[in-house]
Amino acid sequence: MDPYHTNNYPNRSTTLPQKTKNRRHLGIILIFAILLFTIAGMSLVGSFKGLESNINTRNQAQQQDADLNTAIALKNAEIKKLSDPSFFAKYARGAFSFSQPDEKVFLAPGLNGSVSP
């Protein structure tokens, strides 16, 4: 008798279909896992884009806030200057050509006569 052709493995025929079933289950589980990780990855990418958009919006808001604070500081300085009587008189003379009773106003050519506050 040839030892290679004998039926030493009686359960071999019954275990082969069982392995095939297990492999099918593993394949289905693998496909499900790939699908799950793909969906999770797409969700993370969407969240990252939303976060990046929020960061850009925050940076723009901070820049606008800084610009507005600068504008407020300039306006407050102008208000402070306008409360000074000597500056107010100079401003009225330059911008509106007002003069005191004993003064004469001469306009120089090339000058628009405006005074910035």
N, C-alpha and C. Protein backbone atom coordinates (compact mmCIF):
# COMPACT_ATOMS: atom_id res chain seq x y z
N MET A 1 0.82 -1.19 0.00
CA MET A 1 0.00 0.00 0.00
C MET A 1 0.86 1.25 0.00
N ASP A 2 0.38 2.18 -0.76
CA ASP A 2 1.10 3.44 -0.87
C ASP A 2 0.62 4.38 0.23
N PRO A 3 1.53 4.88 1.06
CA PRO A 3 1.08 5.73 2.16
C PRO A 3 0.54 7.07 1.70
N TYR A 4 0.86 7.50 0.48
CA TYR A 4 0.39 8.80 0.00
C TYR A 4 -1.04 8.77 -0.53
N HIS A 5 -1.53 7.57 -0.89
CA HIS A 5 -2.85 7.46 -1.46
C HIS A 5 -3.87 6.86 -0.51
N THR A 6 -3.50 6.67 0.67
CA THR A 6 -4.45 6.12 1.63
C THR A 6 -5.30 7.23 2.20
N ASN A 7 -6.42 6.90 2.71
CA ASN A 7 -7.34 7.87 3.28
C ASN A 7 -7.06 7.98 4.77
N ASN A 8 -5.94 8.68 5.08
CA ASN A 8 -5.59 8.87 6.49
C ASN A 8 -6.33 10.04 7.12
N TYR A 9 -7.01 10.85 6.30
CA TYR A 9 -7.70 12.02 6.80
C TYR A 9 -9.19 11.85 6.53
N PRO A 10 -9.90 11.20 7.40
CA PRO A 10 -11.32 10.93 7.11
C PRO A 10 -12.18 12.20 7.19
N ASN A 11 -11.80 13.17 7.96
CA ASN A 11 -12.62 14.38 8.12
C ASN A 11 -12.26 15.47 7.11
N ARG A 12 -11.36 15.18 6.21
CA ARG A 12 -10.89 16.19 5.27
C ARG A 12 -12.01 16.67 4.36
N SER A 13 -12.84 15.80 3.91
CA SER A 13 -13.92 16.18 3.01
C SER A 13 -14.97 17.02 3.73
N THR A 14 -15.15 16.85 5.00
CA THR A 14 -16.14 17.62 5.75
C THR A 14 -15.57 18.97 6.20
N THR A 15 -14.26 19.08 6.37
CA THR A 15 -13.69 20.34 6.83
C THR A 15 -13.48 21.32 5.68
N LEU A 16 -13.35 20.85 4.47
CA LEU A 16 -13.12 21.75 3.34
C LEU A 16 -14.31 22.68 3.09
N PRO A 17 -15.53 22.22 3.05
CA PRO A 17 -16.64 23.17 2.92
C PRO A 17 -16.76 24.12 4.11
N GLN A 18 -16.42 23.65 5.29
CA GLN A 18 -16.46 24.52 6.47
C GLN A 18 -15.45 25.66 6.32
N LYS A 19 -14.25 25.38 5.80
CA LYS A 19 -13.25 26.42 5.59
C LYS A 19 -13.72 27.42 4.54
N THR A 20 -14.39 26.91 3.53
CA THR A 20 -14.91 27.81 2.49
C THR A 20 -15.97 28.74 3.08
N LYS A 21 -16.82 28.23 3.93
CA LYS A 21 -17.82 29.06 4.58
C LYS A 21 -17.16 30.11 5.46
N ASN A 22 -16.14 29.71 6.19
CA ASN A 22 -15.42 30.65 7.05
C ASN A 22 -14.75 31.74 6.22
N ARG A 23 -14.20 31.33 5.08
CA ARG A 23 -13.56 32.33 4.20
C ARG A 23 -14.58 33.29 3.63
N ARG A 24 -15.75 32.80 3.32
CA ARG A 24 -16.80 33.69 2.82
C ARG A 24 -17.19 34.69 3.91
N HIS A 25 -17.33 34.19 5.13
CA HIS A 25 -17.66 35.09 6.23
C HIS A 25 -16.56 36.13 6.44
N LEU A 26 -15.32 35.70 6.35
CA LEU A 26 -14.20 36.63 6.52
C LEU A 26 -14.19 37.66 5.39
N GLY A 27 -14.51 37.23 4.18
CA GLY A 27 -14.57 38.16 3.05
C GLY A 27 -15.66 39.20 3.25
N ILE A 28 -16.82 38.75 3.71
CA ILE A 28 -17.92 39.68 3.96
C ILE A 28 -17.55 40.65 5.08
N ILE A 29 -16.93 40.14 6.12
CA ILE A 29 -16.50 41.00 7.23
C ILE A 29 -15.45 41.99 6.75
N LEU A 30 -14.54 41.54 5.90
CA LEU A 30 -13.49 42.42 5.37
C LEU A 30 -14.11 43.53 4.51
N ILE A 31 -15.04 43.19 3.66
CA ILE A 31 -15.71 44.20 2.83
C ILE A 31 -16.47 45.20 3.71
N PHE A 32 -17.15 44.69 4.71
CA PHE A 32 -17.88 45.56 5.64
C PHE A 32 -16.91 46.49 6.38
N ALA A 33 -15.77 45.98 6.82
CA ALA A 33 -14.78 46.79 7.53
C ALA A 33 -14.22 47.88 6.62
N ILE A 34 -13.92 47.53 5.36
CA ILE A 34 -13.40 48.52 4.42
C ILE A 34 -14.44 49.60 4.19
N LEU A 35 -15.68 49.21 4.01
CA LEU A 35 -16.76 50.18 3.81
C LEU A 35 -16.91 51.08 5.03
N LEU A 36 -16.85 50.50 6.21
CA LEU A 36 -16.98 51.27 7.45
C LEU A 36 -15.85 52.28 7.59
N PHE A 37 -14.61 51.86 7.34
CA PHE A 37 -13.47 52.77 7.46
C PHE A 37 -13.51 53.85 6.38
N THR A 38 -14.02 53.53 5.20
CA THR A 38 -14.14 54.53 4.15
C THR A 38 -15.14 55.61 4.56
N ILE A 39 -16.27 55.19 5.09
CA ILE A 39 -17.28 56.16 5.54
C ILE A 39 -16.74 57.01 6.69
N ALA A 40 -16.04 56.38 7.62
CA ALA A 40 -15.46 57.12 8.74
C ALA A 40 -14.41 58.12 8.24
N GLY A 41 -13.59 57.71 7.27
CA GLY A 41 -12.59 58.61 6.70
C GLY A 41 -13.22 59.80 6.00
N MET A 42 -14.29 59.55 5.25
CA MET A 42 -14.98 60.65 4.57
C MET A 42 -15.58 61.61 5.60
N SER A 43 -16.08 61.07 6.68
CA SER A 43 -16.64 61.91 7.74
C SER A 43 -15.55 62.78 8.38
N LEU A 44 -14.38 62.20 8.59
CA LEU A 44 -13.27 62.96 9.17
C LEU A 44 -12.81 64.06 8.23
N VAL A 45 -12.77 63.78 6.93
CA VAL A 45 -12.37 64.80 5.97
C VAL A 45 -13.38 65.94 5.97
N GLY A 46 -14.67 65.62 6.00
CA GLY A 46 -15.69 66.66 6.07
C GLY A 46 -15.59 67.49 7.33
N SER A 47 -15.32 66.84 8.45
CA SER A 47 -15.16 67.56 9.72
C SER A 47 -13.94 68.48 9.67
N PHE A 48 -12.87 68.01 9.06
CA PHE A 48 -11.66 68.82 8.95
C PHE A 48 -11.91 70.05 8.10
N LYS A 49 -12.64 69.88 6.99
CA LYS A 49 -12.95 71.02 6.14
C LYS A 49 -13.82 72.03 6.89
N GLY A 50 -14.78 71.55 7.68
CA GLY A 50 -15.61 72.44 8.48
C GLY A 50 -14.78 73.17 9.52
N LEU A 51 -13.86 72.47 10.15
CA LEU A 51 -12.99 73.09 11.15
C LEU A 51 -12.10 74.15 10.51
N GLU A 52 -11.57 73.84 9.33
CA GLU A 52 -10.73 74.80 8.62
C GLU A 52 -11.53 76.05 8.24
N SER A 53 -12.77 75.85 7.84
CA SER A 53 -13.64 76.98 7.51
C SER A 53 -13.90 77.83 8.75
N ASN A 54 -14.14 77.19 9.87
CA ASN A 54 -14.37 77.92 11.13
C ASN A 54 -13.14 78.71 11.55
N ILE A 55 -11.95 78.14 11.34
CA ILE A 55 -10.71 78.84 11.70
C ILE A 55 -10.54 80.06 10.81
N ASN A 56 -10.82 79.92 9.51
CA ASN A 56 -10.72 81.07 8.61
C ASN A 56 -11.70 82.16 9.00
N THR A 57 -12.92 81.78 9.35
CA THR A 57 -13.93 82.75 9.77
C THR A 57 -13.49 83.46 11.04
N ARG A 58 -12.93 82.72 11.98
CA ARG A 58 -12.46 83.33 13.22
C ARG A 58 -11.32 84.31 12.95
N ASN A 59 -10.39 83.94 12.07
CA ASN A 59 -9.28 84.84 11.75
C ASN A 59 -9.78 86.12 11.08
N GLN A 60 -10.76 85.98 10.19
CA GLN A 60 -11.33 87.17 9.55
C GLN A 60 -12.04 88.05 10.58
N ALA A 61 -12.74 87.43 11.51
CA ALA A 61 -13.43 88.20 12.56
C ALA A 61 -12.43 88.92 13.45
N GLN A 62 -11.32 88.27 13.78
CA GLN A 62 -10.30 88.92 14.60
C GLN A 62 -9.67 90.09 13.85
N GLN A 63 -9.45 89.93 12.54
CA GLN A 63 -8.89 91.02 11.75
C GLN A 63 -9.85 92.20 11.69
N GLN A 64 -11.13 91.91 11.49
CA GLN A 64 -12.13 92.97 11.46
C GLN A 64 -12.21 93.67 12.82
N ASP A 65 -12.10 92.89 13.89
CA ASP A 65 -12.14 93.47 15.24
C ASP A 65 -10.95 94.41 15.44
N ALA A 66 -9.77 93.99 14.99
CA ALA A 66 -8.59 94.85 15.12
C ALA A 66 -8.76 96.12 14.29
N ASP A 67 -9.30 95.99 13.08
CA ASP A 67 -9.53 97.17 12.24
C ASP A 67 -10.54 98.12 12.88
N LEU A 68 -11.61 97.55 13.44
CA LEU A 68 -12.61 98.39 14.10
C LEU A 68 -12.06 99.06 15.34
N ASN A 69 -11.22 98.37 16.09
CA ASN A 69 -10.61 98.98 17.27
C ASN A 69 -9.71 100.14 16.86
N THR A 70 -8.99 99.99 15.75
CA THR A 70 -8.15 101.09 15.26
C THR A 70 -9.01 102.26 14.83
N ALA A 71 -10.12 101.98 14.12
CA ALA A 71 -11.02 103.04 13.68
C ALA A 71 -11.64 103.76 14.88
N ILE A 72 -12.00 103.01 15.90
CA ILE A 72 -12.58 103.61 17.11
C ILE A 72 -11.55 104.51 17.80
N ALA A 73 -10.31 104.05 17.84
CA ALA A 73 -9.27 104.87 18.47
C ALA A 73 -9.07 106.17 17.70
N LEU A 74 -9.10 106.09 16.36
CA LEU A 74 -8.97 107.31 15.56
C LEU A 74 -10.14 108.25 15.77
N LYS A 75 -11.34 107.71 15.80
CA LYS A 75 -12.54 108.54 16.03
C LYS A 75 -12.50 109.19 17.41
N ASN A 76 -12.07 108.44 18.41
CA ASN A 76 -11.96 109.01 19.76
C ASN A 76 -10.93 110.13 19.79
N ALA A 77 -9.82 109.97 19.04
CA ALA A 77 -8.82 111.04 18.98
C ALA A 77 -9.39 112.27 18.30
N GLU A 78 -10.20 112.06 17.22
CA GLU A 78 -10.83 113.20 16.55
C GLU A 78 -11.82 113.91 17.48
N ILE A 79 -12.58 113.14 18.22
CA ILE A 79 -13.54 113.73 19.17
C ILE A 79 -12.81 114.54 20.23
N LYS A 80 -11.69 113.99 20.68
CA LYS A 80 -10.91 114.69 21.70
C LYS A 80 -10.36 116.00 21.13
N LYS A 81 -9.92 115.96 19.85
CA LYS A 81 -9.41 117.18 19.21
C LYS A 81 -10.52 118.21 19.04
N LEU A 82 -11.71 117.77 18.67
CA LEU A 82 -12.81 118.70 18.45
C LEU A 82 -13.30 119.35 19.74
N SER A 83 -13.02 118.72 20.86
CA SER A 83 -13.40 119.34 22.13
C SER A 83 -12.42 120.44 22.54
N ASP A 84 -11.27 120.52 21.86
CA ASP A 84 -10.29 121.58 22.12
C ASP A 84 -10.70 122.83 21.33
N PRO A 85 -10.94 123.96 21.99
CA PRO A 85 -11.43 125.17 21.29
C PRO A 85 -10.45 125.70 20.24
N SER A 86 -9.16 125.63 20.48
CA SER A 86 -8.20 126.17 19.51
C SER A 86 -8.17 125.31 18.24
N PHE A 87 -8.23 124.01 18.38
CA PHE A 87 -8.27 123.15 17.20
C PHE A 87 -9.58 123.35 16.44
N PHE A 88 -10.67 123.48 17.16
CA PHE A 88 -11.97 123.68 16.52
C PHE A 88 -11.97 124.96 15.70
N ALA A 89 -11.36 126.02 16.23
CA ALA A 89 -11.27 127.30 15.51
C ALA A 89 -10.42 127.14 14.25
N LYS A 90 -9.29 126.45 14.35
CA LYS A 90 -8.43 126.23 13.19
C LYS A 90 -9.16 125.38 12.14
N TYR A 91 -9.89 124.41 12.60
CA TYR A 91 -10.62 123.53 11.68
C TYR A 91 -11.71 124.31 10.95
N ALA A 92 -12.44 125.14 11.66
CA ALA A 92 -13.51 125.95 11.05
C ALA A 92 -12.94 126.94 10.05
N ARG A 93 -11.79 127.52 10.36
CA ARG A 93 -11.16 128.46 9.43
C ARG A 93 -10.70 127.75 8.16
N GLY A 94 -10.10 126.58 8.30
CA GLY A 94 -9.56 125.87 7.14
C GLY A 94 -10.64 125.20 6.31
N ALA A 95 -11.60 124.57 6.93
CA ALA A 95 -12.59 123.80 6.20
C ALA A 95 -13.71 124.67 5.65
N PHE A 96 -14.11 125.69 6.38
CA PHE A 96 -15.28 126.47 5.98
C PHE A 96 -14.97 127.94 5.71
N SER A 97 -13.70 128.30 5.73
CA SER A 97 -13.25 129.68 5.48
C SER A 97 -13.88 130.69 6.44
N PHE A 98 -14.08 130.28 7.67
CA PHE A 98 -14.57 131.20 8.67
C PHE A 98 -13.40 132.08 9.13
N SER A 99 -13.72 133.24 9.57
CA SER A 99 -12.67 134.14 10.06
C SER A 99 -13.20 134.94 11.23
N GLN A 100 -12.28 135.50 11.95
CA GLN A 100 -12.66 136.39 13.04
C GLN A 100 -13.01 137.75 12.43
N PRO A 101 -13.69 138.60 13.19
CA PRO A 101 -14.16 139.87 12.61
C PRO A 101 -13.05 140.75 12.03
N ASP A 102 -11.86 140.73 12.60
CA ASP A 102 -10.82 141.62 12.10
C ASP A 102 -9.84 140.92 11.15
N GLU A 103 -10.18 139.74 10.61
CA GLU A 103 -9.29 138.99 9.73
C GLU A 103 -9.81 139.04 8.29
N LYS A 104 -8.86 138.91 7.37
CA LYS A 104 -9.20 138.78 5.97
C LYS A 104 -8.71 137.41 5.51
N VAL A 105 -9.51 136.71 4.72
CA VAL A 105 -9.16 135.37 4.25
C VAL A 105 -8.73 135.47 2.80
N PHE A 106 -7.54 134.94 2.52
CA PHE A 106 -7.03 134.89 1.16
C PHE A 106 -6.88 133.42 0.77
N LEU A 107 -7.40 133.06 -0.36
CA LEU A 107 -7.29 131.67 -0.84
C LEU A 107 -6.08 131.59 -1.76
N ALA A 108 -5.20 130.68 -1.48
CA ALA A 108 -4.01 130.47 -2.31
C ALA A 108 -4.37 129.51 -3.44
N PRO A 109 -3.94 129.81 -4.67
CA PRO A 109 -4.24 128.90 -5.78
C PRO A 109 -3.52 127.57 -5.60
N GLY A 110 -4.19 126.48 -5.91
CA GLY A 110 -3.59 125.16 -5.78
C GLY A 110 -3.86 124.50 -4.44
N LEU A 111 -4.36 125.22 -3.48
CA LEU A 111 -4.70 124.66 -2.19
C LEU A 111 -6.21 124.57 -2.10
N ASN A 112 -6.68 123.41 -1.65
CA ASN A 112 -8.13 123.27 -1.56
C ASN A 112 -8.69 123.86 -0.28
N GLY A 113 -7.85 124.22 0.63
CA GLY A 113 -8.32 124.89 1.84
C GLY A 113 -8.91 123.97 2.88
N SER A 114 -8.86 122.67 2.66
CA SER A 114 -9.45 121.75 3.64
C SER A 114 -8.40 121.36 4.66
N VAL A 115 -8.84 121.19 5.85
CA VAL A 115 -7.98 120.77 6.94
C VAL A 115 -8.55 119.47 7.46
N SER A 116 -7.71 118.47 7.56
CA SER A 116 -8.18 117.19 8.09
C SER A 116 -8.14 117.22 9.60
N PRO A 117 -9.13 116.65 10.23
CA PRO A 117 -9.17 116.67 11.70
C PRO A 117 -8.11 115.79 12.30
